[in-house]
PDB file of all heavy atoms in Angstrom:
ATOM      1  N   ALA A   1     -26.347 -58.998 -15.587  1.00  0.00           N
ATOM      2  CA  ALA A   1     -26.250 -59.263 -17.024  1.00  0.00           C
ATOM      3  C   ALA A   1     -24.963 -58.697 -17.607  1.00  0.00           C
ATOM      4  O   ALA A   1     -24.338 -59.304 -18.485  1.00  0.00           O
ATOM      5  CB  ALA A   1     -27.461 -58.667 -17.743  1.00  0.00           C
ATOM      6  N   ALA A   2     -24.560 -57.509 -17.132  1.00  0.00           N
ATOM      7  CA  ALA A   2     -23.327 -56.911 -17.638  1.00  0.00           C
ATOM      8  C   ALA A   2     -22.105 -57.738 -17.244  1.00  0.00           C
ATOM      9  O   ALA A   2     -21.160 -57.887 -18.039  1.00  0.00           O
ATOM     10  CB  ALA A   2     -23.184 -55.484 -17.114  1.00  0.00           C
ATOM     11  N   MET A   3     -22.126 -58.295 -16.039  1.00  0.00           N
ATOM     12  CA  MET A   3     -21.019 -59.142 -15.612  1.00  0.00           C
ATOM     13  C   MET A   3     -20.964 -60.431 -16.436  1.00  0.00           C
ATOM     14  O   MET A   3     -19.885 -60.888 -16.810  1.00  0.00           O
ATOM     15  CB  MET A   3     -21.177 -59.485 -14.122  1.00  0.00           C
ATOM     16  CG  MET A   3     -20.905 -58.317 -13.190  1.00  0.00           C
ATOM     17  SD  MET A   3     -19.171 -57.800 -13.201  1.00  0.00           S
ATOM     18  CE  MET A   3     -18.388 -59.231 -12.467  1.00  0.00           C
ATOM     19  N   TYR A   4     -22.128 -61.010 -16.716  1.00  0.00           N
ATOM     20  CA  TYR A   4     -22.151 -62.226 -17.518  1.00  0.00           C
ATOM     21  C   TYR A   4     -21.765 -61.935 -18.968  1.00  0.00           C
ATOM     22  O   TYR A   4     -20.987 -62.675 -19.581  1.00  0.00           O
ATOM     23  CB  TYR A   4     -23.546 -62.862 -17.477  1.00  0.00           C
ATOM     24  CG  TYR A   4     -23.671 -64.047 -18.408  1.00  0.00           C
ATOM     25  CD1 TYR A   4     -23.164 -65.291 -18.045  1.00  0.00           C
ATOM     26  CD2 TYR A   4     -24.238 -63.900 -19.667  1.00  0.00           C
ATOM     27  CE1 TYR A   4     -23.239 -66.366 -18.916  1.00  0.00           C
ATOM     28  CE2 TYR A   4     -24.317 -64.975 -20.546  1.00  0.00           C
ATOM     29  CZ  TYR A   4     -23.812 -66.198 -20.159  1.00  0.00           C
ATOM     30  OH  TYR A   4     -23.876 -67.258 -21.027  1.00  0.00           O
ATOM     31  N   GLY A   5     -22.333 -60.886 -19.528  1.00  0.00           N
ATOM     32  CA  GLY A   5     -22.145 -60.628 -20.944  1.00  0.00           C
ATOM     33  C   GLY A   5     -20.801 -60.055 -21.321  1.00  0.00           C
ATOM     34  O   GLY A   5     -20.319 -60.285 -22.443  1.00  0.00           O
ATOM     35  N   GLY A   6     -20.190 -59.314 -20.407  1.00  0.00           N
ATOM     36  CA  GLY A   6     -18.944 -58.634 -20.744  1.00  0.00           C
ATOM     37  C   GLY A   6     -17.876 -59.508 -21.360  1.00  0.00           C
ATOM     38  O   GLY A   6     -17.345 -59.202 -22.442  1.00  0.00           O
ATOM     39  N   PRO A   7     -17.532 -60.649 -20.729  1.00  0.00           N
ATOM     40  CA  PRO A   7     -16.485 -61.503 -21.302  1.00  0.00           C
ATOM     41  C   PRO A   7     -16.863 -62.097 -22.655  1.00  0.00           C
ATOM     42  O   PRO A   7     -15.995 -62.562 -23.392  1.00  0.00           O
ATOM     43  CB  PRO A   7     -16.328 -62.606 -20.246  1.00  0.00           C
ATOM     44  CG  PRO A   7     -16.828 -62.013 -18.973  1.00  0.00           C
ATOM     45  CD  PRO A   7     -17.954 -61.111 -19.391  1.00  0.00           C
ATOM     46  N   LEU A   8     -18.167 -62.081 -22.977  1.00  0.00           N
ATOM     47  CA  LEU A   8     -18.634 -62.624 -24.252  1.00  0.00           C
ATOM     48  C   LEU A   8     -18.752 -61.549 -25.330  1.00  0.00           C
ATOM     49  O   LEU A   8     -19.161 -61.840 -26.451  1.00  0.00           O
ATOM     50  CB  LEU A   8     -20.003 -63.292 -24.059  1.00  0.00           C
ATOM     51  CG  LEU A   8     -20.065 -64.398 -23.004  1.00  0.00           C
ATOM     52  CD1 LEU A   8     -21.499 -64.858 -22.811  1.00  0.00           C
ATOM     53  CD2 LEU A   8     -19.169 -65.560 -23.394  1.00  0.00           C
ATOM     54  N   GLY A   9     -18.413 -60.314 -24.964  1.00  0.00           N
ATOM     55  CA  GLY A   9     -18.538 -59.215 -25.921  1.00  0.00           C
ATOM     56  C   GLY A   9     -19.944 -58.670 -26.021  1.00  0.00           C
ATOM     57  O   GLY A   9     -20.270 -57.953 -26.971  1.00  0.00           O
ATOM     58  N   ILE A  10     -20.779 -58.999 -25.039  1.00  0.00           N
ATOM     59  CA  ILE A  10     -22.154 -58.507 -25.011  1.00  0.00           C
ATOM     60  C   ILE A  10     -22.240 -57.394 -23.975  1.00  0.00           C
ATOM     61  O   ILE A  10     -22.066 -57.636 -22.775  1.00  0.00           O
ATOM     62  CB  ILE A  10     -23.146 -59.634 -24.654  1.00  0.00           C
ATOM     63  CG1 ILE A  10     -23.025 -60.789 -25.646  1.00  0.00           C
ATOM     64  CG2 ILE A  10     -24.578 -59.097 -24.606  1.00  0.00           C
ATOM     65  CD1 ILE A  10     -23.735 -62.056 -25.201  1.00  0.00           C
ATOM     66  N   ARG A  11     -22.490 -56.203 -24.443  1.00  0.00           N
ATOM     67  CA  ARG A  11     -22.570 -55.046 -23.540  1.00  0.00           C
ATOM     68  C   ARG A  11     -24.015 -54.824 -23.112  1.00  0.00           C
ATOM     69  O   ARG A  11     -24.922 -54.804 -23.943  1.00  0.00           O
ATOM     70  CB  ARG A  11     -22.040 -53.786 -24.213  1.00  0.00           C
ATOM     71  CG  ARG A  11     -20.559 -53.853 -24.564  1.00  0.00           C
ATOM     72  CD  ARG A  11     -20.036 -52.531 -25.109  1.00  0.00           C
ATOM     73  NE  ARG A  11     -20.782 -52.086 -26.278  1.00  0.00           N
ATOM     74  CZ  ARG A  11     -21.707 -51.127 -26.279  1.00  0.00           C
ATOM     75  NH1 ARG A  11     -22.014 -50.493 -25.158  1.00  0.00           N
ATOM     76  NH2 ARG A  11     -22.333 -50.788 -27.408  1.00  0.00           N
ATOM     77  N   VAL A  12     -24.216 -54.639 -21.802  1.00  0.00           N
ATOM     78  CA  VAL A  12     -25.540 -54.338 -21.267  1.00  0.00           C
ATOM     79  C   VAL A  12     -25.450 -53.048 -20.470  1.00  0.00           C
ATOM     80  O   VAL A  12     -24.643 -52.933 -19.533  1.00  0.00           O
ATOM     81  CB  VAL A  12     -26.075 -55.477 -20.375  1.00  0.00           C
ATOM     82  CG1 VAL A  12     -27.502 -55.171 -19.922  1.00  0.00           C
ATOM     83  CG2 VAL A  12     -26.017 -56.811 -21.098  1.00  0.00           C
ATOM     84  N   ASN A  13     -26.256 -52.073 -20.839  1.00  0.00           N
ATOM     85  CA  ASN A  13     -26.308 -50.785 -20.154  1.00  0.00           C
ATOM     86  C   ASN A  13     -27.758 -50.385 -19.950  1.00  0.00           C
ATOM     87  O   ASN A  13     -28.678 -51.071 -20.411  1.00  0.00           O
ATOM     88  CB  ASN A  13     -25.570 -49.715 -20.975  1.00  0.00           C
ATOM     89  CG  ASN A  13     -24.074 -49.947 -21.030  1.00  0.00           C
ATOM     90  OD1 ASN A  13     -23.367 -49.745 -20.045  1.00  0.00           O
ATOM     91  ND2 ASN A  13     -23.571 -50.389 -22.186  1.00  0.00           N
ATOM     92  N   ALA A  14     -27.967 -49.276 -19.258  1.00  0.00           N
ATOM     93  CA  ALA A  14     -29.331 -48.811 -19.013  1.00  0.00           C
ATOM     94  C   ALA A  14     -29.401 -47.304 -19.163  1.00  0.00           C
ATOM     95  O   ALA A  14     -28.438 -46.584 -18.886  1.00  0.00           O
ATOM     96  CB  ALA A  14     -29.797 -49.219 -17.614  1.00  0.00           C
ATOM     97  N   VAL A  15     -30.557 -46.841 -19.580  1.00  0.00           N
ATOM     98  CA  VAL A  15     -30.859 -45.420 -19.612  1.00  0.00           C
ATOM     99  C   VAL A  15     -31.869 -45.152 -18.504  1.00  0.00           C
ATOM    100  O   VAL A  15     -32.786 -45.948 -18.284  1.00  0.00           O
ATOM    101  CB  VAL A  15     -31.414 -44.991 -20.989  1.00  0.00           C
ATOM    102  CG1 VAL A  15     -32.710 -45.707 -21.331  1.00  0.00           C
ATOM    103  CG2 VAL A  15     -31.597 -43.491 -21.060  1.00  0.00           C
ATOM    104  N   ALA A  16     -31.677 -44.055 -17.771  1.00  0.00           N
ATOM    105  CA  ALA A  16     -32.555 -43.716 -16.656  1.00  0.00           C
ATOM    106  C   ALA A  16     -33.225 -42.374 -16.935  1.00  0.00           C
ATOM    107  O   ALA A  16     -32.696 -41.321 -16.578  1.00  0.00           O
ATOM    108  CB  ALA A  16     -31.774 -43.665 -15.348  1.00  0.00           C
ATOM    109  N   PRO A  17     -34.383 -42.400 -17.599  1.00  0.00           N
ATOM    110  CA  PRO A  17     -35.072 -41.142 -17.895  1.00  0.00           C
ATOM    111  C   PRO A  17     -35.608 -40.472 -16.632  1.00  0.00           C
ATOM    112  O   PRO A  17     -35.964 -41.133 -15.650  1.00  0.00           O
ATOM    113  CB  PRO A  17     -36.233 -41.570 -18.800  1.00  0.00           C
ATOM    114  CG  PRO A  17     -35.859 -42.934 -19.295  1.00  0.00           C
ATOM    115  CD  PRO A  17     -35.059 -43.553 -18.191  1.00  0.00           C
ATOM    116  N   GLY A  18     -35.659 -39.145 -16.695  1.00  0.00           N
ATOM    117  CA  GLY A  18     -36.354 -38.383 -15.672  1.00  0.00           C
ATOM    118  C   GLY A  18     -37.787 -38.177 -16.108  1.00  0.00           C
ATOM    119  O   GLY A  18     -38.447 -39.094 -16.594  1.00  0.00           O
ATOM    120  N   ILE A  19     -38.276 -36.971 -15.962  1.00  0.00           N
ATOM    121  CA  ILE A  19     -39.663 -36.683 -16.313  1.00  0.00           C
ATOM    122  C   ILE A  19     -39.774 -36.456 -17.814  1.00  0.00           C
ATOM    123  O   ILE A  19     -39.247 -35.482 -18.357  1.00  0.00           O
ATOM    124  CB  ILE A  19     -40.186 -35.468 -15.540  1.00  0.00           C
ATOM    125  CG1 ILE A  19     -40.264 -35.802 -14.046  1.00  0.00           C
ATOM    126  CG2 ILE A  19     -41.547 -35.043 -16.061  1.00  0.00           C
ATOM    127  CD1 ILE A  19     -40.794 -34.684 -13.187  1.00  0.00           C
ATOM    128  N   VAL A  20     -40.437 -37.384 -18.458  1.00  0.00           N
ATOM    129  CA  VAL A  20     -40.683 -37.313 -19.900  1.00  0.00           C
ATOM    130  C   VAL A  20     -42.175 -37.558 -20.104  1.00  0.00           C
ATOM    131  O   VAL A  20     -42.636 -38.698 -19.972  1.00  0.00           O
ATOM    132  CB  VAL A  20     -39.858 -38.352 -20.675  1.00  0.00           C
ATOM    133  CG1 VAL A  20     -40.130 -38.238 -22.173  1.00  0.00           C
ATOM    134  CG2 VAL A  20     -38.368 -38.185 -20.383  1.00  0.00           C
ATOM    135  N   PRO A  21     -42.957 -36.523 -20.393  1.00  0.00           N
ATOM    136  CA  PRO A  21     -44.406 -36.720 -20.532  1.00  0.00           C
ATOM    137  C   PRO A  21     -44.748 -37.674 -21.672  1.00  0.00           C
ATOM    138  O   PRO A  21     -44.424 -37.434 -22.835  1.00  0.00           O
ATOM    139  CB  PRO A  21     -44.927 -35.311 -20.829  1.00  0.00           C
ATOM    140  CG  PRO A  21     -43.894 -34.397 -20.248  1.00  0.00           C
ATOM    141  CD  PRO A  21     -42.583 -35.102 -20.473  1.00  0.00           C
ATOM    142  N   THR A  22     -45.370 -38.781 -21.332  1.00  0.00           N
ATOM    143  CA  THR A  22     -45.906 -39.730 -22.307  1.00  0.00           C
ATOM    144  C   THR A  22     -47.244 -40.212 -21.762  1.00  0.00           C
ATOM    145  O   THR A  22     -47.612 -39.924 -20.615  1.00  0.00           O
ATOM    146  CB  THR A  22     -44.978 -40.947 -22.508  1.00  0.00           C
ATOM    147  OG1 THR A  22     -44.953 -41.713 -21.292  1.00  0.00           O
ATOM    148  CG2 THR A  22     -43.562 -40.520 -22.877  1.00  0.00           C
ATOM    149  N   THR A  23     -47.960 -40.965 -22.566  1.00  0.00           N
ATOM    150  CA  THR A  23     -49.246 -41.485 -22.114  1.00  0.00           C
ATOM    151  C   THR A  23     -49.082 -42.499 -20.989  1.00  0.00           C
ATOM    152  O   THR A  23     -50.036 -42.781 -20.272  1.00  0.00           O
ATOM    153  CB  THR A  23     -49.993 -42.149 -23.281  1.00  0.00           C
ATOM    154  OG1 THR A  23     -49.159 -43.164 -23.854  1.00  0.00           O
ATOM    155  CG2 THR A  23     -50.336 -41.125 -24.346  1.00  0.00           C
ATOM    156  N   LEU A  24     -47.870 -43.032 -20.792  1.00  0.00           N
ATOM    157  CA  LEU A  24     -47.652 -44.036 -19.752  1.00  0.00           C
ATOM    158  C   LEU A  24     -48.053 -43.501 -18.390  1.00  0.00           C
ATOM    159  O   LEU A  24     -48.765 -44.146 -17.630  1.00  0.00           O
ATOM    160  CB  LEU A  24     -46.179 -44.462 -19.734  1.00  0.00           C
ATOM    161  CG  LEU A  24     -45.791 -45.520 -18.693  1.00  0.00           C
ATOM    162  CD1 LEU A  24     -46.385 -46.866 -19.062  1.00  0.00           C
ATOM    163  CD2 LEU A  24     -44.276 -45.623 -18.568  1.00  0.00           C
ATOM    164  N   PHE A  25     -47.595 -42.278 -18.070  1.00  0.00           N
ATOM    165  CA  PHE A  25     -47.866 -41.741 -16.745  1.00  0.00           C
ATOM    166  C   PHE A  25     -49.130 -40.895 -16.695  1.00  0.00           C
ATOM    167  O   PHE A  25     -49.763 -40.788 -15.651  1.00  0.00           O
ATOM    168  CB  PHE A  25     -46.662 -40.950 -16.232  1.00  0.00           C
ATOM    169  CG  PHE A  25     -45.573 -41.841 -15.721  1.00  0.00           C
ATOM    170  CD1 PHE A  25     -44.490 -42.162 -16.517  1.00  0.00           C
ATOM    171  CD2 PHE A  25     -45.645 -42.399 -14.456  1.00  0.00           C
ATOM    172  CE1 PHE A  25     -43.494 -43.016 -16.062  1.00  0.00           C
ATOM    173  CE2 PHE A  25     -44.663 -43.255 -13.994  1.00  0.00           C
ATOM    174  CZ  PHE A  25     -43.577 -43.561 -14.799  1.00  0.00           C
ATOM    175  N   SER A  26     -49.521 -40.292 -17.798  1.00  0.00           N
ATOM    176  CA  SER A  26     -50.798 -39.573 -17.790  1.00  0.00           C
ATOM    177  C   SER A  26     -51.942 -40.539 -17.533  1.00  0.00           C
ATOM    178  O   SER A  26     -52.917 -40.216 -16.857  1.00  0.00           O
ATOM    179  CB  SER A  26     -51.003 -38.825 -19.109  1.00  0.00           C
ATOM    180  OG  SER A  26     -51.043 -39.725 -20.199  1.00  0.00           O
TER     181      SER A  26
END
């Protein structure tokens, strides 16, 4: 997506969380 979007001015990035207690994993 970043390769496709870059020339169009569309930036695609990602955040990679570590251990963050939420109800998702509990």
